Structure formats: C-alpha cells, structure tokens
Amino acid sequence: MRRMALSVLLALSTILAGCFSNGESLVEEEAIDNIWTQYVLIDDQQHEDPRPFTTVDLNTNQSTNMSWAVFDASKGGNCCEHYLATTIEGQILNIGGEYPVWSLDRGHSWDTYIPGVLPALGQCVTAVPTNPGQEGLGEGSIVQATNGDIISMSWYPYAGGDLKLDKFYAILYDESEDEWKWCYNRITEPFYDRSWQVEVIGPIQSSMGSGDWASIVVSNFWHQSLNAGGQISVDGLNYYPFQFPDRSGGDPEVELDLDFTEAGLSPYYDVNKPHKEMRAFPVPSGGLLFPSYYDNGNAAYMDTSLSWNELYVQFPSEYCQIDSAGIIHCVKNSGTSFTHYMSNDGAVNWTNYTYELSNQSTQIEEWEFQANGELDLFVLNVRYQSSTGPDVDTVYHVRGYSEDMSPDTLTYIGQGDLDSTSGAGNDIRFDFASLAILNDGGVVVAYHDSTDPDPLFAVEMMIPEY
C-alpha cells in the first residue's frame, strides 16, 4: 500500500517537476529506469509541516519532488541559525538557542533540558542562565562523544545585567547515569560568539585531570580572528582556558598511523564530527588533529595528555572528518566549486571529485559536509548566492562513495527566494550551515527561505532502501 502510494506520488511529482522557484529549470529526459524506483517513505506517520523539495537524478537529469519534514526556530533554533547533530540511536539534536532540544522519533515529538538543580562539582556556581528581556539570544554547540555522552555548551551574551557579562554554561548528558547536568563556568575573558565543539579521544591523563574524553569549545570569533584558543574540559562540566600553539611551529614532532580502515571503528565516528569551522577531527587511537594548521602545511596534534605536537602530514584541506569505515574525508572550497578528497590509507594517497555548481551561482554563502561510513553516504550542503538575486540552498547525496565519489542526486532545499547575510546587524540572517545524518540515512539540514522570518531546518523523509 505504501509502495503504491509512493509510486503515484513520484509519478505525479515528476510530471509537475522541472521548474525551480529560484529561476533555474531542467529539461526532462525520458528514461525507463531511474533512481526514484529505489526510494521509500521512511516514516509512515504524518508530520505537521511536510514540504516537497525538488530533487534531480544527476545521472539522467530527471527531477521529482521528495518529501521533507520542516521545523522552525521553536525546535531549538534562534533568530539566525540552528546547530544540528545526531546520535547513533537516531536522535536529532539542536542547540541553536539556549538549551539542548532533541527528538527521538524523527521530529514528531520534542523534549528539552533546561538547567535546574546545580551539580556539586568543581568550579560550578549558581547563576541565572538568562537575563529578563534577553531570552532567545543564547547559542551553543552539541556533539555525541564516543562513549555515548552528549557534550554541549551554551553562550549567553549580555546576561550579566548592567555589567553585560557573557556567560558560559556547560551542559552534559551523562550516558552512564542517564542524567543531564550543567555548570556555569566563570572565565576571565568574554567568550564572544557561537562556539564550535569537538571531542578529544581518550582515555585522557593530563595535569587538569583524567576522563574517557576531553571536550574543546572554541569561540567562532576568537578562533577565526585571533587564534587565541578556547576552553577545555575533561568532565564536560568544568572548563578551563587553553591556547593554540604558534603556527610557526616548534612543537615536538610526532608520528601517527592514521589508517583505521581495518580497525572496525564504532558508529560514533559517523556522528561525532564537529562543525567544519572547528577545523579538527578526533583521532580514533587517541587525541585530536587539526589538519593544515602550521604555516608549513603540517597538522597540529593534541595528544591524550592534552599537549601539542606537530604531525608532518599534509592534508588537502583544513576541513576533514574520519568516518566509521576509517576513511578520511576533506573538502576544499575554491570560488564556486568544491573538491571532495578521500583517503582509505591514512592520508597517504587521495582520490577526489570536484563539484561544479550551477552557472547561476556567483558566490558561496555557507557550506557544510558529513560522511557516514556505516551507510557509505556522503552529503554536501551548499548555500550559494544566485545571479538572479536570492540565495539557494542545496544538498548533494553521494551514496556508495567507497566505489564512486560522484553525487547521484541534488536537492534544492526550500524555495530559494530569500537573500540573507551572516553577521550581527543584518536584517535577514543565516549565520552558518548545519548538517547531520540520521542512522537510517535521512539528512537533517538547516536552510532559510521566505516562508519564515527565521532559519528553518528539514528532515529527509524519502530515502533509498538500504
């Protein structure tokens, strides 16, 4: 019954497809076999706001409409962004605003954690999370660690009353205790701006303590402008300032075997990828790697004692991830093209594929990528400025990248009818791309169009059978 309904839907949508709201069009081609015959509706339960988004089969140039469930800022976002992630259990996580928000059932129901009882740990102190009249300004980051914990933080700008002090709240889900905890950290400098967060693979033995992992949180402002460092924790609650090494080098040299293709990595490596602007990825044997960090192109490596080292390995980009298959992915943007690099031998040899965007793309606004080794799925999300005026949100799917790196579909997310710019002071803001992959292969992606004053996010509902 479901298959029959889906076939009818696809047939009708293919007849109506071919014209995009952003002004681009497709010429339909006759084909007996096409990719759509492989797709099923993954979720039988109706969502409140399902929307059809145009998807192109890049092998046949045919297009059709695919169903996505759409959610607004009330599901964890704020005025300008969403910070999306997923867990190996299939949760959708969002901390675009003050608190972590999550769904266990592909967005049909949502829950949130609001700090309440303060844990009696370390330097945690009592403080009111928000300031009256300033609600909605909080923003944070979130990621599932490789032991099942969920590490997150929230930055509250101007929450200190007349003093206008930034406040840093660590928020942790302890998987072993099935409990959320929080901690207000007093720091000497303002955190200033959205954070990027990443796990340092343990076990950690350091001067500041030990733990299964460490967590690094870096301010978008300080990281990109001053390279001044950020905050680090071994318990996910108590954070302390740290500094990045000098880019000119001088740190101890280290040798690492980065070939994990035969290691059988856990599925956590498919979800613990930080936002690309963290410019780092966890190393399964322990530690954290910053590709292309030093001026000479070498990588910076934080080991399990939380000390800095220089790794004499050249990566094709500073934006990289290792998936559960042990494959290293890096993506490099140049103008309006993207090159996806892939290594299955520990960054010794690389294969690549270059994405040439529509000839109507004039500038890249935001972008993000993610790979899932268990599903053999790579996704590239690009928001570009169109020559016709509005910004256009797109998602490329590469299914079976271990055999073929070329994308099989391109989806236009939303209406593509809104021109927005990142940064404070702009009337219409979409500050950064955000992307995640569910354990069933569905994509979760942020976008912005004229149907809502704030950015939205969408959950893919129709996917190929695995």
Protein backbone atom coordinates (compact mmCIF):
# COMPACT_ATOMS: atom_id res chain seq x y z
CA MET A 1 0.00 0.00 0.00
CA ARG A 2 2.76 2.42 0.98
CA ARG A 3 4.79 1.48 -2.10
CA MET A 4 1.76 2.07 -4.32
CA ALA A 5 1.10 5.50 -2.81
CA LEU A 6 4.74 6.37 -3.19
CA SER A 7 4.76 5.34 -6.85
CA VAL A 8 1.74 7.55 -7.54
CA LEU A 9 3.35 10.45 -5.70
CA LEU A 10 6.58 10.11 -7.63
CA ALA A 11 4.76 9.87 -10.96
CA LEU A 12 2.73 12.99 -10.30
CA SER A 13 5.68 14.95 -8.93
CA THR A 14 7.83 14.05 -11.94
CA ILE A 15 5.15 15.40 -14.27
CA LEU A 16 5.00 18.66 -12.33
CA ALA A 17 8.74 18.97 -11.72
CA GLY A 18 11.31 20.81 -13.78
CA CYS A 19 10.87 24.42 -12.69
CA PHE A 20 12.51 25.77 -9.54
CA SER A 21 11.40 28.77 -7.53
CA ASN A 22 14.92 30.19 -7.77
CA GLY A 23 14.56 30.62 -11.51
CA GLU A 24 16.52 27.55 -12.61
CA SER A 25 14.92 24.94 -14.84
CA LEU A 26 15.53 21.40 -16.02
CA VAL A 27 14.78 19.68 -19.31
CA GLU A 28 13.10 16.37 -18.57
CA GLU A 29 14.52 13.28 -20.29
CA GLU A 30 12.68 10.05 -21.00
CA ALA A 31 14.03 7.07 -19.11
CA ILE A 32 12.64 3.63 -18.33
CA ASP A 33 14.75 3.16 -15.22
CA ASN A 34 15.59 5.95 -12.80
CA ILE A 35 16.79 6.34 -9.26
CA TRP A 36 13.34 7.08 -7.82
CA THR A 37 12.23 3.44 -8.01
CA GLN A 38 14.63 2.72 -5.13
CA TYR A 39 13.06 5.25 -2.75
CA VAL A 40 10.65 4.55 0.11
CA LEU A 41 8.85 6.76 2.59
CA ILE A 42 10.88 6.06 5.73
CA ASP A 43 8.25 7.39 8.15
CA ASP A 44 4.55 6.48 7.79
CA GLN A 45 3.41 8.96 10.46
CA GLN A 46 2.35 12.34 9.09
CA HIS A 47 4.39 15.39 10.15
CA GLU A 48 2.84 18.78 10.88
CA ASP A 49 4.69 20.50 8.06
CA PRO A 50 5.80 18.20 5.23
CA ARG A 51 7.08 20.01 2.13
CA PRO A 52 8.07 18.84 -1.35
CA PHE A 53 11.62 19.75 -2.39
CA THR A 54 12.83 19.29 -5.95
CA THR A 55 15.45 16.56 -6.37
CA VAL A 56 17.46 15.88 -9.50
CA ASP A 57 18.77 12.48 -10.57
CA LEU A 58 22.20 13.60 -11.76
CA ASN A 59 22.65 10.51 -13.93
CA THR A 60 19.50 11.04 -16.02
CA ASN A 61 18.81 14.75 -15.38
CA GLN A 62 15.27 13.83 -14.34
CA SER A 63 13.68 15.67 -11.43
CA THR A 64 10.92 14.90 -8.98
CA ASN A 65 9.59 16.15 -5.66
CA MET A 66 10.72 14.48 -2.46
CA SER A 67 9.02 14.91 0.93
CA TRP A 68 10.90 16.61 3.79
CA ALA A 69 9.54 17.48 7.26
CA VAL A 70 10.20 21.14 8.12
CA PHE A 71 10.73 22.68 11.58
CA ASP A 72 11.10 26.26 12.76
CA ALA A 73 13.11 28.02 15.47
CA SER A 74 10.81 26.69 18.23
CA LYS A 75 12.56 23.33 17.83
CA GLY A 76 15.89 24.52 19.18
CA GLY A 77 16.88 27.36 16.88
CA ASN A 78 17.07 31.11 17.23
CA CYS A 79 16.81 34.18 15.00
CA CYS A 80 19.75 33.30 12.82
CA GLU A 81 20.78 29.66 12.95
CA HIS A 82 20.40 26.04 14.03
CA TYR A 83 23.20 23.86 15.40
CA LEU A 84 22.19 20.34 14.36
CA ALA A 85 23.64 16.95 15.26
CA THR A 86 22.50 13.34 15.54
CA THR A 87 23.28 10.34 17.77
CA ILE A 88 23.90 6.70 16.88
CA GLU A 89 20.49 5.91 18.43
CA GLY A 90 18.79 8.16 15.86
CA GLN A 91 18.15 11.29 17.92
CA ILE A 92 18.01 14.70 16.27
CA LEU A 93 19.85 17.26 18.43
CA ASN A 94 19.62 21.04 18.14
CA ILE A 95 21.10 23.80 20.28
CA GLY A 96 20.66 26.79 18.04
CA GLY A 97 19.22 28.62 21.04
CA GLU A 98 19.63 28.47 24.82
CA TYR A 99 19.10 24.80 25.62
CA PRO A 100 19.54 21.37 24.03
CA VAL A 101 16.42 20.23 22.20
CA TRP A 102 16.02 16.72 20.84
CA SER A 103 13.67 14.29 19.14
CA LEU A 104 13.74 10.50 19.37
CA ASP A 105 11.20 9.92 16.59
CA ARG A 106 12.31 11.94 13.55
CA GLY A 107 10.68 15.13 14.76
CA HIS A 108 7.21 14.00 15.78
CA SER A 109 7.83 14.88 19.44
CA TRP A 110 10.46 17.07 21.08
CA ASP A 111 11.99 17.46 24.50
CA THR A 112 14.44 19.91 26.05
CA TYR A 113 16.74 20.24 29.03
CA ILE A 114 16.60 23.49 30.99
CA PRO A 115 19.22 23.79 33.77
CA GLY A 116 17.67 23.33 37.18
CA VAL A 117 19.43 21.66 40.12
CA LEU A 118 23.14 22.50 40.09
CA PRO A 119 25.55 19.54 40.35
CA ALA A 120 28.01 19.77 43.22
CA LEU A 121 31.11 19.55 41.05
CA GLY A 122 34.31 21.58 40.73
CA GLN A 123 34.01 25.25 39.95
CA CYS A 124 30.31 25.16 39.04
CA VAL A 125 28.49 28.13 40.51
CA THR A 126 24.87 29.21 40.72
CA ALA A 127 23.81 31.78 38.14
CA VAL A 128 20.59 32.59 36.34
CA PRO A 129 21.02 31.35 32.75
CA THR A 130 19.23 34.24 31.06
CA ASN A 131 18.53 37.86 31.80
CA PRO A 132 14.93 39.16 31.67
CA GLY A 133 14.35 40.69 28.27
CA GLN A 134 17.33 38.87 26.75
CA GLU A 135 15.70 35.49 26.16
CA GLY A 136 16.40 33.99 22.77
CA LEU A 137 19.95 35.30 22.45
CA GLY A 138 21.66 32.15 23.70
CA GLU A 139 23.50 29.91 21.28
CA GLY A 140 25.68 26.84 21.63
CA SER A 141 27.08 23.62 20.23
CA ILE A 142 26.47 19.91 20.79
CA VAL A 143 28.00 16.54 19.88
CA GLN A 144 27.75 12.90 20.98
CA ALA A 145 31.02 11.53 22.37
CA THR A 146 32.35 8.05 21.61
CA ASN A 147 31.13 6.66 24.95
CA GLY A 148 27.54 7.82 24.42
CA ASP A 149 27.72 11.02 26.47
CA ILE A 150 26.36 14.19 24.86
CA ILE A 151 28.65 17.22 25.27
CA SER A 152 27.17 20.66 24.79
CA MET A 153 27.52 24.26 25.85
CA SER A 154 25.54 27.45 25.65
CA TRP A 155 26.83 31.01 25.45
CA TYR A 156 24.60 33.72 26.87
CA PRO A 157 25.60 37.18 25.66
CA TYR A 158 24.85 40.15 27.86
CA ALA A 159 23.25 38.03 30.57
CA GLY A 160 25.00 39.79 33.43
CA GLY A 161 22.59 42.66 33.94
CA ASP A 162 24.22 46.09 33.89
CA LEU A 163 27.68 44.51 33.69
CA LYS A 164 26.81 42.91 30.34
CA LEU A 165 28.95 39.84 31.04
CA ASP A 166 28.98 36.85 28.75
CA LYS A 167 28.12 33.57 30.46
CA PHE A 168 29.35 30.10 29.53
CA TYR A 169 27.10 27.17 30.52
CA ALA A 170 28.37 23.63 30.09
CA ILE A 171 25.52 21.15 29.60
CA LEU A 172 26.27 17.41 29.71
CA TYR A 173 24.22 14.28 29.22
CA ASP A 174 25.93 11.51 31.24
CA GLU A 175 25.03 8.29 29.43
CA SER A 176 26.14 6.03 32.31
CA GLU A 177 23.77 7.81 34.72
CA ASP A 178 21.07 8.66 32.14
CA GLU A 179 21.08 12.21 33.50
CA TRP A 180 21.57 15.78 32.28
CA LYS A 181 23.89 18.07 34.26
CA TRP A 182 25.03 21.66 33.93
CA CYS A 183 27.67 24.06 35.15
CA TYR A 184 28.11 27.83 34.93
CA ASN A 185 31.80 28.49 34.32
CA ARG A 186 33.35 31.79 35.36
CA ILE A 187 36.03 32.78 32.89
CA THR A 188 38.18 35.88 32.78
CA GLU A 189 37.53 36.82 29.16
CA PRO A 190 34.22 37.11 27.30
CA PHE A 191 33.55 34.06 25.18
CA TYR A 192 32.03 36.10 22.38
CA ASP A 193 30.08 34.37 19.63
CA ARG A 194 28.78 30.94 18.66
CA SER A 195 31.03 28.07 19.71
CA TRP A 196 32.43 25.11 17.84
CA GLN A 197 32.87 21.95 19.90
CA VAL A 198 34.84 18.73 19.45
CA GLU A 199 35.76 15.59 21.40
CA VAL A 200 39.38 14.70 22.16
CA ILE A 201 39.50 10.90 22.12
CA GLY A 202 40.75 9.39 25.39
CA PRO A 203 41.39 7.94 27.81
CA ILE A 204 42.77 11.30 28.95
CA GLN A 205 45.55 11.57 31.52
CA SER A 206 46.53 15.20 31.98
CA SER A 207 47.58 17.81 34.51
CA MET A 208 43.97 19.01 34.69
CA GLY A 209 42.54 15.54 35.32
CA SER A 210 41.53 12.33 33.60
CA GLY A 211 38.46 11.04 31.80
CA ASP A 212 37.06 8.99 28.95
CA TRP A 213 37.46 12.02 26.68
CA ALA A 214 38.15 15.72 26.74
CA SER A 215 35.97 18.43 25.25
CA ILE A 216 37.22 21.53 23.45
CA VAL A 217 34.99 24.55 22.89
CA VAL A 218 36.24 27.35 20.65
CA SER A 219 34.58 30.70 20.03
CA ASN A 220 33.89 31.42 16.38
CA PHE A 221 35.22 34.97 16.87
CA TRP A 222 38.45 34.15 18.70
CA HIS A 223 39.21 31.08 16.59
CA GLN A 224 38.93 32.82 13.24
CA SER A 225 40.26 36.27 14.15
CA LEU A 226 42.94 35.80 16.78
CA ASN A 227 43.61 32.05 17.04
CA ALA A 228 43.71 32.68 20.76
CA GLY A 229 42.41 29.33 21.96
CA GLY A 230 39.28 28.43 23.87
CA GLN A 231 38.06 26.28 26.75
CA ILE A 232 38.86 22.65 27.55
CA SER A 233 37.32 20.13 29.96
CA VAL A 234 37.87 16.50 30.99
CA ASP A 235 34.41 16.08 32.53
CA GLY A 236 32.21 18.12 30.19
CA LEU A 237 31.24 20.50 33.00
CA ASN A 238 34.29 22.32 34.33
CA TYR A 239 36.14 24.20 31.60
CA TYR A 240 39.48 25.99 31.67
CA PRO A 241 41.17 28.27 29.14
CA PHE A 242 43.79 26.85 26.75
CA GLN A 243 45.95 28.33 24.00
CA PHE A 244 46.59 27.12 20.47
CA PRO A 245 50.26 26.58 19.52
CA ASP A 246 52.18 29.12 17.45
CA ARG A 247 51.56 28.49 13.76
CA SER A 248 55.24 28.95 13.00
CA GLY A 249 55.94 25.58 14.66
CA GLY A 250 58.45 24.43 17.25
CA ASP A 251 56.25 21.83 18.95
CA PRO A 252 57.50 18.25 19.45
CA GLU A 253 57.32 16.11 16.33
CA VAL A 254 55.01 13.10 16.48
CA GLU A 255 54.33 10.13 14.20
CA LEU A 256 50.82 8.74 13.88
CA ASP A 257 49.33 5.86 11.93
CA LEU A 258 46.04 7.28 10.61
CA ASP A 259 44.99 4.17 8.71
CA PHE A 260 41.95 2.81 10.57
CA THR A 261 40.23 1.12 7.65
CA GLU A 262 40.78 -2.34 9.18
CA ALA A 263 40.06 -1.24 12.75
CA GLY A 264 36.29 -1.60 12.70
CA LEU A 265 35.54 1.82 14.21
CA SER A 266 32.35 2.32 16.17
CA PRO A 267 29.39 4.19 14.60
CA TYR A 268 30.15 7.09 16.97
CA TYR A 269 32.67 8.29 14.40
CA ASP A 270 29.81 8.93 12.00
CA VAL A 271 28.13 11.37 14.43
CA ASN A 272 30.94 12.93 16.49
CA LYS A 273 32.08 15.16 13.61
CA PRO A 274 32.17 18.77 14.80
CA HIS A 275 31.03 21.67 12.67
CA LYS A 276 33.56 22.19 9.89
CA GLU A 277 34.65 25.55 11.38
CA MET A 278 36.19 23.68 14.31
CA ARG A 279 38.75 22.62 11.67
CA ALA A 280 39.63 19.46 13.56
CA PHE A 281 38.66 15.81 13.84
CA PRO A 282 39.04 13.22 16.65
CA VAL A 283 41.74 10.57 16.16
CA PRO A 284 40.45 7.03 16.97
CA SER A 285 43.76 5.95 18.56
CA GLY A 286 43.53 8.95 20.90
CA GLY A 287 43.76 12.72 20.65
CA LEU A 288 42.62 15.37 18.21
CA LEU A 289 44.01 16.53 14.87
CA PHE A 290 43.96 20.00 13.25
CA PRO A 291 44.84 19.49 9.56
CA SER A 292 46.90 22.12 7.70
CA TYR A 293 47.44 24.06 10.93
CA TYR A 294 51.06 25.18 10.80
CA ASP A 295 52.40 27.69 8.31
CA ASN A 296 54.32 24.89 6.56
CA GLY A 297 51.09 22.93 5.98
CA ASN A 298 51.66 20.32 8.71
CA ALA A 299 48.93 19.25 11.13
CA ALA A 300 48.71 20.07 14.85
CA TYR A 301 48.01 17.13 17.15
CA MET A 302 46.68 17.35 20.70
CA ASP A 303 47.58 14.08 22.43
CA THR A 304 45.85 12.32 25.33
CA SER A 305 47.87 14.33 27.86
CA LEU A 306 46.36 17.45 26.17
CA SER A 307 49.81 18.53 24.93
CA TRP A 308 50.52 19.93 21.46
CA ASN A 309 52.62 18.17 18.82
CA GLU A 310 53.43 18.69 15.14
CA LEU A 311 52.46 15.95 12.69
CA TYR A 312 54.37 16.04 9.40
CA VAL A 313 51.38 15.06 7.28
CA GLN A 314 49.92 17.29 4.57
CA PHE A 315 46.14 17.29 4.21
CA PRO A 316 44.42 18.78 1.14
CA SER A 317 42.23 20.98 3.34
CA GLU A 318 41.77 22.06 6.95
CA TYR A 319 38.17 20.78 6.84
CA CYS A 320 38.30 17.00 7.39
CA GLN A 321 36.50 14.07 9.03
CA ILE A 322 37.20 10.39 9.64
CA ASP A 323 34.17 8.09 9.36
CA SER A 324 33.41 4.72 10.95
CA ALA A 325 34.92 2.93 7.92
CA GLY A 326 38.24 4.61 8.74
CA ILE A 327 38.10 6.73 5.56
CA ILE A 328 39.34 10.31 5.85
CA HIS A 329 37.30 12.94 4.02
CA CYS A 330 38.45 16.51 3.34
CA VAL A 331 36.60 19.22 1.42
CA LYS A 332 38.14 22.31 -0.15
CA ASN A 333 36.21 25.29 -1.50
CA SER A 334 37.61 27.41 -4.31
CA GLY A 335 35.37 30.06 -5.84
CA THR A 336 32.08 28.34 -6.61
CA SER A 337 33.50 24.83 -6.82
CA PHE A 338 34.16 22.21 -4.14
CA THR A 339 36.60 19.31 -4.20
CA HIS A 340 35.95 16.27 -2.04
CA TYR A 341 39.16 14.39 -1.20
CA MET A 342 39.11 10.88 0.22
CA SER A 343 41.85 8.64 1.63
CA ASN A 344 41.47 4.99 2.66
CA ASP A 345 45.12 4.55 3.67
CA GLY A 346 45.58 7.09 6.46
CA ALA A 347 46.20 10.30 4.45
CA VAL A 348 48.96 8.79 2.29
CA ASN A 349 47.06 8.75 -1.02
CA TRP A 350 43.98 10.70 -2.04
CA THR A 351 41.25 10.36 -4.63
CA ASN A 352 39.00 13.31 -5.40
CA TYR A 353 35.86 14.58 -7.06
CA THR A 354 35.11 18.23 -7.92
CA TYR A 355 31.61 19.72 -7.71
CA GLU A 356 30.95 22.48 -10.24
CA LEU A 357 27.89 24.35 -9.09
CA SER A 358 25.16 25.84 -11.26
CA ASN A 359 26.33 28.55 -13.65
CA GLN A 360 23.89 30.80 -11.78
CA SER A 361 25.96 30.59 -8.58
CA THR A 362 28.04 33.73 -8.10
CA GLN A 363 29.28 33.35 -4.52
CA ILE A 364 29.29 30.73 -1.74
CA GLU A 365 27.42 31.92 1.34
CA GLU A 366 27.68 28.90 3.69
CA TRP A 367 28.51 25.20 3.37
CA GLU A 368 28.96 22.01 5.37
CA PHE A 369 29.59 18.31 4.76
CA GLN A 370 29.35 14.97 6.54
CA ALA A 371 30.16 11.33 5.82
CA ASN A 372 28.68 8.17 7.29
CA GLY A 373 30.86 5.08 6.88
CA GLU A 374 28.22 2.63 8.02
CA LEU A 375 25.80 3.87 5.35
CA ASP A 376 28.51 4.64 2.75
CA LEU A 377 26.86 8.06 2.44
CA PHE A 378 28.50 11.46 1.87
CA VAL A 379 26.47 14.69 1.91
CA LEU A 380 27.50 18.20 0.83
CA ASN A 381 25.28 21.15 1.76
CA VAL A 382 25.89 24.44 -0.09
CA ARG A 383 24.06 27.76 0.19
CA TYR A 384 25.07 29.98 -2.70
CA GLN A 385 24.26 33.44 -3.97
CA SER A 386 22.34 33.21 -7.23
CA SER A 387 22.86 35.60 -10.12
CA THR A 388 19.09 36.14 -10.07
CA GLY A 389 19.26 37.59 -6.55
CA PRO A 390 18.17 35.13 -3.85
CA ASP A 391 20.31 32.58 -2.01
CA VAL A 392 19.80 28.94 -2.96
CA ASP A 393 20.09 26.00 -0.52
CA THR A 394 21.24 22.69 -1.98
CA VAL A 395 22.15 19.20 -0.78
CA TYR A 396 24.20 16.70 -2.77
CA HIS A 397 23.95 12.99 -1.88
CA VAL A 398 26.74 10.56 -2.70
CA ARG A 399 25.56 7.02 -1.98
CA GLY A 400 28.27 4.38 -2.21
CA TYR A 401 31.20 6.80 -2.13
CA SER A 402 33.62 3.96 -1.42
CA GLU A 403 33.02 2.85 -5.04
CA ASP A 404 32.13 6.12 -6.79
CA MET A 405 32.66 9.63 -5.40
CA SER A 406 30.30 11.34 -7.86
CA PRO A 407 26.94 12.52 -6.45
CA ASP A 408 23.79 10.73 -7.52
CA THR A 409 21.23 13.39 -6.52
CA LEU A 410 20.98 17.15 -6.00
CA THR A 411 18.13 18.51 -3.87
CA TYR A 412 17.01 22.14 -3.79
CA ILE A 413 16.03 22.77 -0.15
CA GLY A 414 13.23 25.29 0.31
CA GLN A 415 12.03 27.90 -2.14
CA GLY A 416 15.35 29.59 -2.83
CA ASP A 417 13.70 33.01 -2.72
CA LEU A 418 15.45 34.85 0.12
CA ASP A 419 18.70 36.80 0.20
CA SER A 420 20.32 36.70 3.65
CA THR A 421 23.70 37.57 5.11
CA SER A 422 25.54 36.28 8.17
CA GLY A 423 26.63 38.61 10.95
CA ALA A 424 25.15 40.90 13.58
CA GLY A 425 23.32 43.98 12.33
CA ASN A 426 21.91 42.43 9.17
CA ASP A 427 18.13 42.40 8.84
CA ILE A 428 17.90 38.89 7.37
CA ARG A 429 20.47 36.49 8.81
CA PHE A 430 21.55 32.94 8.12
CA ASP A 431 24.81 32.74 10.02
CA PHE A 432 26.11 29.27 9.18
CA ALA A 433 25.24 25.98 7.54
CA SER A 434 24.38 23.00 9.74
CA LEU A 435 24.03 19.37 8.70
CA ALA A 436 23.63 15.89 10.21
CA ILE A 437 22.83 12.33 9.09
CA LEU A 438 20.38 10.03 10.89
CA ASN A 439 21.16 6.35 11.41
CA ASP A 440 18.53 5.42 8.79
CA GLY A 441 20.24 7.57 6.15
CA GLY A 442 17.95 10.60 6.37
CA VAL A 443 19.58 14.03 6.24
CA VAL A 444 18.85 16.87 8.66
CA VAL A 445 19.79 20.27 7.25
CA ALA A 446 19.29 23.97 8.06
CA TYR A 447 18.08 26.44 5.44
CA HIS A 448 16.26 29.75 5.04
CA ASP A 449 13.54 30.96 2.70
CA SER A 450 10.67 33.48 2.73
CA THR A 451 8.21 31.15 4.47
CA ASP A 452 9.61 32.07 7.91
CA PRO A 453 11.43 35.11 9.32
CA ASP A 454 13.98 32.81 10.99
CA PRO A 455 16.05 29.93 9.57
CA LEU A 456 14.33 26.55 9.32
CA PHE A 457 15.59 23.00 9.21
CA ALA A 458 14.33 19.99 7.28
CA VAL A 459 14.41 16.22 7.84
CA GLU A 460 14.54 13.95 4.79
CA MET A 461 11.56 11.59 4.61
CA MET A 462 12.13 9.62 1.38
CA ILE A 463 15.32 7.65 1.03
CA PRO A 464 16.58 4.59 -0.88
CA GLU A 465 16.18 1.21 0.76
CA TYR A 466 19.43 0.03 2.31
